Amino acid sequence: MKAILQEHYGTYEVLTMEETEKPQIQEGEVLVEVQAVSLNAPDWRLLSGKPLLMRLVSGIFRPKHRIRGTDLSGTVVEASPDCRNLKVGDEVYGDLSGAGFGAFAEYVAVKEMLLSLKPKNLSYLEAAALPMTSVTALQGLRQEGKLQQGEKVLILGASGGVGTLSLQLARALGAEVTAVTSISHIAQSMSLGAHHVLDYQETDFDRLEESYDLVLAVNGYYPFSTLGHLLSETGRVVLIGSSSVYQLMAASVLGGLLLGRKRESLKALLAKPRKEDLDYITSQVEHKNIKPVLYKEIPFQDIPEGLKELHKGHAGGKIVAWVKPQRL
């Protein structure tokens, strides 16, 4: 089978498409014929092996996992006898970041507990755009953000993969949503259901008079003083991403003390794949409460170039790649 391999640390240029052995399923696993994949921040962050501390997990001298890729959608073509929830022919999707990656391949062996049935109203390409970003958005809003119906939410970075889904999920959960994005994505945010939209280049957040019950910082960098200024008396901040690793580390250790508030008022989210959360996403998609936003569709062999583009930032949605275009 063909797969995108990483034998060494470096830039996107270390990735090559090679022929490699088709995986064999073990107990509790299914073999998925991959139809489509999407590109996520961890896919490019793990390329360089930096910071060096990360190599304690990813491999000291070279990558522990040769086949990259987090999100996939595909078809079950083989199932071990002890599988109870999935069978041959099922259309599935999921996030492999907690199980050694491996999505950038024509076939992958996966524990059935990591997969959910693909939403019936989505193509393989559309479904592949959802697992990591949608579950991250959901956990940021519901698990860490404790979002309640009627609350006011500010989403800093509302145009990327996590941002577009955070916007839609917050709206579906009954919040009043203010999206912060660039001027080129204002129309997109409005079409996805934002009640208000702010241009991040034209807004002085330190002087903004509005306050929010939940601030979701998806990307970029905002000083702790600014984040604290944006909060209502009982407001919370959830950092999903930051251009500063040190900001995320400080938030993880000290929490809301950095804002001059209770520790629980500031959290740095470390999202984890959860089948229950992905099943919830499936139901929301099938009820047409949320939808994936595709920025670009590319062929399988162009994944390295796609990661290069993703690393630059400013994508208005997800970059997705088809592995088996004839079956989409």
Protein backbone atom coordinates (compact mmCIF):
# COMPACT_ATOMS: atom_id res chain seq x y z
CA MET A 1 0.00 0.00 0.00
CA LYS A 2 1.02 3.64 -0.39
CA ALA A 3 1.66 5.78 2.68
CA ILE A 4 3.18 9.13 3.61
CA LEU A 5 6.29 8.31 5.66
CA GLN A 6 8.54 10.33 7.96
CA GLU A 7 11.90 8.69 8.63
CA HIS A 8 13.65 11.79 10.03
CA TYR A 9 12.84 15.05 11.78
CA GLY A 10 12.76 18.18 9.66
CA THR A 11 10.35 20.23 7.54
CA TYR A 12 7.54 19.04 5.30
CA GLU A 13 10.26 18.03 2.82
CA VAL A 14 11.19 14.96 4.90
CA LEU A 15 7.81 13.41 4.06
CA THR A 16 7.77 10.94 1.17
CA MET A 17 5.12 8.75 -0.39
CA GLU A 18 6.33 5.13 -0.40
CA GLU A 19 5.11 1.59 -0.78
CA THR A 20 4.90 -0.12 2.60
CA GLU A 21 3.41 -3.25 4.06
CA LYS A 22 -0.34 -3.43 4.50
CA PRO A 23 -1.18 -3.70 8.23
CA GLN A 24 -2.63 -6.82 9.83
CA ILE A 25 -5.44 -6.46 12.33
CA GLN A 26 -5.11 -7.59 15.94
CA GLU A 27 -7.70 -8.35 18.60
CA GLY A 28 -10.38 -5.67 18.78
CA GLU A 29 -9.28 -4.02 15.56
CA VAL A 30 -10.76 -3.33 12.15
CA LEU A 31 -8.94 -2.72 8.89
CA VAL A 32 -10.06 0.53 7.30
CA GLU A 33 -9.59 1.32 3.63
CA VAL A 34 -8.90 5.03 3.90
CA GLN A 35 -10.94 7.20 1.57
CA ALA A 36 -9.98 10.69 2.76
CA VAL A 37 -7.89 12.45 5.40
CA SER A 38 -7.57 15.97 6.75
CA LEU A 39 -4.55 17.95 7.89
CA ASN A 40 -4.23 19.20 11.46
CA ALA A 41 -1.75 21.25 13.46
CA PRO A 42 -0.18 18.18 15.18
CA ASP A 43 0.64 16.78 11.74
CA TRP A 44 3.12 19.61 11.11
CA ARG A 45 4.13 20.31 14.70
CA LEU A 46 5.55 16.80 15.06
CA LEU A 47 7.66 17.07 11.91
CA SER A 48 10.51 19.06 13.43
CA GLY A 49 10.87 17.23 16.73
CA LYS A 50 10.95 20.59 18.53
CA PRO A 51 10.90 21.50 21.30
CA LEU A 52 13.32 18.68 22.13
CA LEU A 53 11.32 17.74 25.22
CA MET A 54 8.58 16.53 22.87
CA ARG A 55 10.90 13.77 21.63
CA LEU A 56 10.44 11.93 24.90
CA VAL A 57 7.05 11.02 23.46
CA SER A 58 7.59 11.17 19.69
CA GLY A 59 11.02 9.45 19.55
CA ILE A 60 14.46 10.63 20.69
CA PHE A 61 16.53 10.34 17.50
CA ARG A 62 13.89 9.68 14.86
CA PRO A 63 10.07 9.55 14.76
CA LYS A 64 8.62 6.61 16.63
CA HIS A 65 5.67 6.46 14.23
CA ARG A 66 6.70 6.47 10.57
CA ILE A 67 3.22 7.04 9.12
CA ARG A 68 1.77 10.43 9.98
CA GLY A 69 -1.83 11.54 9.94
CA THR A 70 -4.54 12.06 12.53
CA ASP A 71 -8.00 12.31 10.93
CA LEU A 72 -9.49 9.85 8.46
CA SER A 73 -12.70 8.58 6.95
CA GLY A 74 -13.05 5.25 5.19
CA THR A 75 -14.65 1.84 4.90
CA VAL A 76 -14.21 -1.20 7.13
CA VAL A 77 -12.89 -4.03 4.93
CA GLU A 78 -11.97 -6.50 7.68
CA ALA A 79 -12.92 -6.94 11.32
CA SER A 80 -11.52 -9.19 14.03
CA PRO A 81 -13.99 -11.80 15.36
CA ASP A 82 -14.30 -10.06 18.73
CA CYS A 83 -15.49 -6.74 17.27
CA ARG A 84 -19.02 -5.98 18.38
CA ASN A 85 -19.78 -2.49 17.13
CA LEU A 86 -18.38 -2.41 13.60
CA LYS A 87 -18.60 -4.76 10.65
CA VAL A 88 -17.30 -5.03 7.11
CA GLY A 89 -18.86 -2.35 4.92
CA ASP A 90 -19.37 0.23 7.67
CA GLU A 91 -18.43 3.79 6.74
CA VAL A 92 -16.40 5.24 9.61
CA TYR A 93 -14.32 8.23 10.68
CA GLY A 94 -12.04 9.04 13.58
CA ASP A 95 -8.95 10.65 15.10
CA LEU A 96 -5.84 8.47 15.49
CA SER A 97 -3.70 10.97 17.42
CA GLY A 98 -4.05 8.96 20.61
CA ALA A 99 -3.16 5.65 18.96
CA GLY A 100 0.09 6.17 17.09
CA PHE A 101 -1.27 8.15 14.13
CA GLY A 102 -1.17 6.36 10.73
CA ALA A 103 -4.01 8.03 8.82
CA PHE A 104 -1.85 9.04 5.83
CA ALA A 105 -2.05 5.59 4.24
CA GLU A 106 -4.32 3.55 2.00
CA TYR A 107 -5.11 1.15 4.85
CA VAL A 108 -4.88 1.37 8.62
CA ALA A 109 -5.61 -1.08 11.44
CA VAL A 110 -7.59 0.65 14.19
CA LYS A 111 -9.17 -0.32 17.49
CA GLU A 112 -12.90 -0.20 16.81
CA MET A 113 -13.43 1.85 19.98
CA LEU A 114 -11.61 4.78 18.30
CA LEU A 115 -14.04 5.03 15.37
CA SER A 116 -17.56 6.29 14.89
CA LEU A 117 -19.98 5.73 12.05
CA LYS A 118 -19.62 8.48 9.45
CA PRO A 119 -22.51 10.97 9.31
CA LYS A 120 -24.88 9.76 6.61
CA ASN A 121 -25.26 13.21 5.07
CA LEU A 122 -21.52 13.83 4.53
CA SER A 123 -19.08 12.70 1.87
CA TYR A 124 -15.85 11.02 2.92
CA LEU A 125 -13.96 14.26 2.30
CA GLU A 126 -16.34 16.26 4.47
CA ALA A 127 -16.31 13.67 7.26
CA ALA A 128 -12.50 13.53 7.34
CA ALA A 129 -12.45 17.24 8.19
CA LEU A 130 -14.25 16.75 11.49
CA PRO A 131 -12.80 14.35 14.10
CA MET A 132 -9.95 16.24 15.79
CA THR A 133 -11.21 19.78 15.26
CA SER A 134 -14.83 19.13 16.22
CA VAL A 135 -14.00 17.18 19.38
CA THR A 136 -11.44 19.84 20.37
CA ALA A 137 -14.06 22.54 19.90
CA LEU A 138 -16.66 20.57 21.86
CA GLN A 139 -14.33 19.87 24.78
CA GLY A 140 -13.23 23.49 24.86
CA LEU A 141 -16.78 24.76 25.04
CA ARG A 142 -18.56 22.12 27.07
CA GLN A 143 -15.94 20.28 29.15
CA GLU A 144 -13.48 23.04 30.05
CA GLY A 145 -15.56 26.13 29.27
CA LYS A 146 -18.70 24.92 31.07
CA LEU A 147 -20.78 26.81 28.53
CA GLN A 148 -24.41 27.39 29.49
CA GLN A 149 -27.34 28.36 27.30
CA GLY A 150 -27.70 32.12 26.95
CA GLU A 151 -24.10 32.93 27.80
CA LYS A 152 -21.94 35.24 25.69
CA VAL A 153 -18.95 33.64 23.95
CA LEU A 154 -16.00 35.34 22.27
CA ILE A 155 -14.07 33.12 19.85
CA LEU A 156 -10.57 34.42 19.10
CA GLY A 157 -9.57 32.76 15.84
CA ALA A 158 -12.93 31.77 14.41
CA SER A 159 -11.95 31.00 10.82
CA GLY A 160 -9.77 27.86 11.03
CA GLY A 161 -10.77 24.26 11.53
CA VAL A 162 -11.38 24.47 15.29
CA GLY A 163 -12.66 28.03 15.07
CA THR A 164 -15.40 27.39 12.50
CA LEU A 165 -16.68 24.42 14.49
CA SER A 166 -16.45 26.24 17.83
CA LEU A 167 -18.61 28.98 16.35
CA GLN A 168 -21.26 26.53 15.15
CA LEU A 169 -21.25 24.39 18.30
CA ALA A 170 -21.50 27.44 20.57
CA ARG A 171 -24.50 28.62 18.55
CA ALA A 172 -26.06 25.12 18.72
CA LEU A 173 -25.54 25.09 22.51
CA GLY A 174 -27.57 28.28 22.79
CA ALA A 175 -24.83 30.88 23.25
CA GLU A 176 -24.60 34.40 21.87
CA VAL A 177 -21.50 34.17 19.69
CA THR A 178 -18.99 36.86 18.78
CA ALA A 179 -16.42 35.68 16.24
CA VAL A 180 -13.01 37.31 15.90
CA THR A 181 -11.44 36.85 12.48
CA SER A 182 -9.78 38.65 9.61
CA ILE A 183 -11.77 40.88 7.29
CA SER A 184 -11.58 38.25 4.54
CA HIS A 185 -13.50 35.74 6.69
CA ILE A 186 -16.20 37.99 8.14
CA ALA A 187 -18.83 36.80 5.63
CA GLN A 188 -17.95 33.19 6.39
CA SER A 189 -18.43 33.69 10.14
CA MET A 190 -21.79 35.36 9.62
CA SER A 191 -22.95 32.55 7.34
CA LEU A 192 -22.01 30.00 10.03
CA GLY A 193 -24.25 31.72 12.57
CA ALA A 194 -22.15 34.28 14.42
CA HIS A 195 -24.27 36.97 16.04
CA HIS A 196 -21.41 39.47 15.93
CA VAL A 197 -18.06 39.55 14.11
CA LEU A 198 -14.93 41.56 14.97
CA ASP A 199 -11.95 42.17 12.71
CA TYR A 200 -8.93 41.29 14.83
CA GLN A 201 -6.74 43.83 13.02
CA GLU A 202 -9.11 46.72 13.68
CA THR A 203 -10.22 45.89 17.24
CA ASP A 204 -8.45 47.18 20.35
CA PHE A 205 -9.33 44.37 22.76
CA ASP A 206 -7.84 46.20 25.74
CA ARG A 207 -10.48 48.92 25.28
CA LEU A 208 -13.40 46.74 24.29
CA GLU A 209 -16.34 47.60 26.53
CA GLU A 210 -18.19 44.32 26.01
CA SER A 211 -17.51 41.47 28.46
CA TYR A 212 -17.99 37.74 27.91
CA ASP A 213 -18.88 34.67 29.94
CA LEU A 214 -16.47 32.52 27.95
CA VAL A 215 -13.46 33.48 25.86
CA LEU A 216 -12.20 30.71 23.61
CA ALA A 217 -8.67 31.50 22.40
CA VAL A 218 -8.16 29.19 19.42
CA ASN A 219 -4.94 30.59 17.99
CA GLY A 220 -2.69 33.63 17.94
CA TYR A 221 -1.42 35.32 21.07
CA TYR A 222 -3.31 37.56 23.49
CA PRO A 223 -1.68 38.76 26.75
CA PHE A 224 -3.23 37.50 29.98
CA SER A 225 -4.11 41.09 30.87
CA THR A 226 -6.17 41.36 27.68
CA LEU A 227 -7.94 38.06 28.28
CA GLY A 228 -8.82 39.11 31.81
CA HIS A 229 -10.19 42.45 30.59
CA LEU A 230 -12.60 40.63 28.25
CA LEU A 231 -14.26 38.56 30.98
CA SER A 232 -17.46 39.13 32.87
CA GLU A 233 -17.38 38.79 36.65
CA THR A 234 -17.85 35.01 36.44
CA GLY A 235 -16.16 34.60 33.03
CA ARG A 236 -13.77 31.84 31.97
CA VAL A 237 -10.97 31.60 29.43
CA VAL A 238 -10.03 28.41 27.59
CA LEU A 239 -6.76 28.40 25.65
CA ILE A 240 -7.06 25.91 22.81
CA GLY A 241 -3.98 27.18 21.05
CA SER A 242 -1.38 29.91 21.33
CA SER A 243 1.60 31.01 19.31
CA SER A 244 3.49 30.92 22.62
CA VAL A 245 4.23 27.50 24.11
CA TYR A 246 5.20 29.25 27.34
CA GLN A 247 1.78 30.87 27.60
CA LEU A 248 0.12 27.46 27.37
CA MET A 249 2.49 26.01 29.97
CA ALA A 250 1.92 28.91 32.36
CA ALA A 251 -1.86 28.61 31.98
CA SER A 252 -1.69 24.86 32.65
CA VAL A 253 0.20 25.41 35.92
CA LEU A 254 -1.19 28.65 37.33
CA GLY A 255 -4.60 28.95 35.67
CA GLY A 256 -6.71 31.98 36.55
CA LEU A 257 -4.14 33.28 39.01
CA LEU A 258 -2.50 34.80 35.92
CA LEU A 259 -5.68 36.83 35.43
CA GLY A 260 -5.95 37.85 39.08
CA ARG A 261 -8.89 35.47 39.46
CA LYS A 262 -9.70 31.99 40.72
CA ARG A 263 -7.50 29.27 39.27
CA GLU A 264 -10.40 27.57 37.42
CA SER A 265 -11.21 30.72 35.42
CA LEU A 266 -8.32 29.98 32.99
CA LYS A 267 -7.62 26.58 31.48
CA ALA A 268 -5.37 25.30 28.73
CA LEU A 269 -7.15 22.53 26.86
CA LEU A 270 -5.35 19.31 26.06
CA ALA A 271 -7.99 17.71 23.88
CA LYS A 272 -8.23 13.93 23.70
CA PRO A 273 -10.10 11.74 21.20
CA ARG A 274 -13.33 10.45 22.72
CA LYS A 275 -15.77 8.26 20.82
CA GLU A 276 -18.68 9.62 22.89
CA ASP A 277 -17.83 13.15 21.83
CA LEU A 278 -17.46 12.16 18.18
CA ASP A 279 -20.82 10.36 18.32
CA TYR A 280 -22.32 13.62 19.61
CA ILE A 281 -20.74 15.45 16.66
CA THR A 282 -22.29 12.90 14.30
CA SER A 283 -25.74 13.60 15.71
CA GLN A 284 -25.23 17.36 15.41
CA VAL A 285 -24.14 17.01 11.77
CA GLU A 286 -27.06 14.75 10.89
CA HIS A 287 -29.46 17.24 12.51
CA LYS A 288 -27.75 19.96 10.41
CA ASN A 289 -26.70 21.99 13.43
CA ILE A 290 -23.06 22.01 12.32
CA LYS A 291 -21.13 21.34 9.14
CA PRO A 292 -17.46 21.06 8.17
CA VAL A 293 -15.86 23.98 6.36
CA LEU A 294 -13.47 22.89 3.62
CA TYR A 295 -10.74 25.32 2.62
CA LYS A 296 -8.98 23.22 0.00
CA GLU A 297 -9.15 19.71 -1.50
CA ILE A 298 -5.86 18.11 -2.55
CA PRO A 299 -4.73 14.68 -3.82
CA PHE A 300 -3.01 12.24 -1.46
CA GLN A 301 0.47 12.83 -2.88
CA ASP A 302 0.24 16.58 -2.19
CA ILE A 303 -0.08 16.16 1.59
CA PRO A 304 3.48 17.45 2.27
CA GLU A 305 2.70 20.67 0.36
CA GLY A 306 -0.62 20.88 2.17
CA LEU A 307 1.16 20.76 5.53
CA LYS A 308 3.46 23.53 4.36
CA GLU A 309 0.43 25.69 3.59
CA LEU A 310 -1.28 24.77 6.87
CA HIS A 311 1.81 25.83 8.79
CA LYS A 312 1.62 29.31 7.26
CA GLY A 313 -1.80 29.83 8.84
CA HIS A 314 -4.87 31.82 7.73
CA ALA A 315 -6.70 28.84 6.17
CA GLY A 316 -10.45 29.49 6.23
CA GLY A 317 -11.41 25.95 7.20
CA LYS A 318 -9.82 22.52 6.70
CA ILE A 319 -7.39 21.21 4.11
CA VAL A 320 -8.53 17.72 3.11
CA ALA A 321 -6.96 15.09 0.88
CA TRP A 322 -8.62 12.31 -1.06
CA VAL A 323 -6.96 8.91 -1.00
CA LYS A 324 -9.52 7.05 -3.14
CA PRO A 325 -11.21 9.76 -5.25
CA GLN A 326 -13.20 7.29 -7.33
CA ARG A 327 -15.19 6.25 -4.25
CA LEU A 328 -16.04 9.64 -2.80
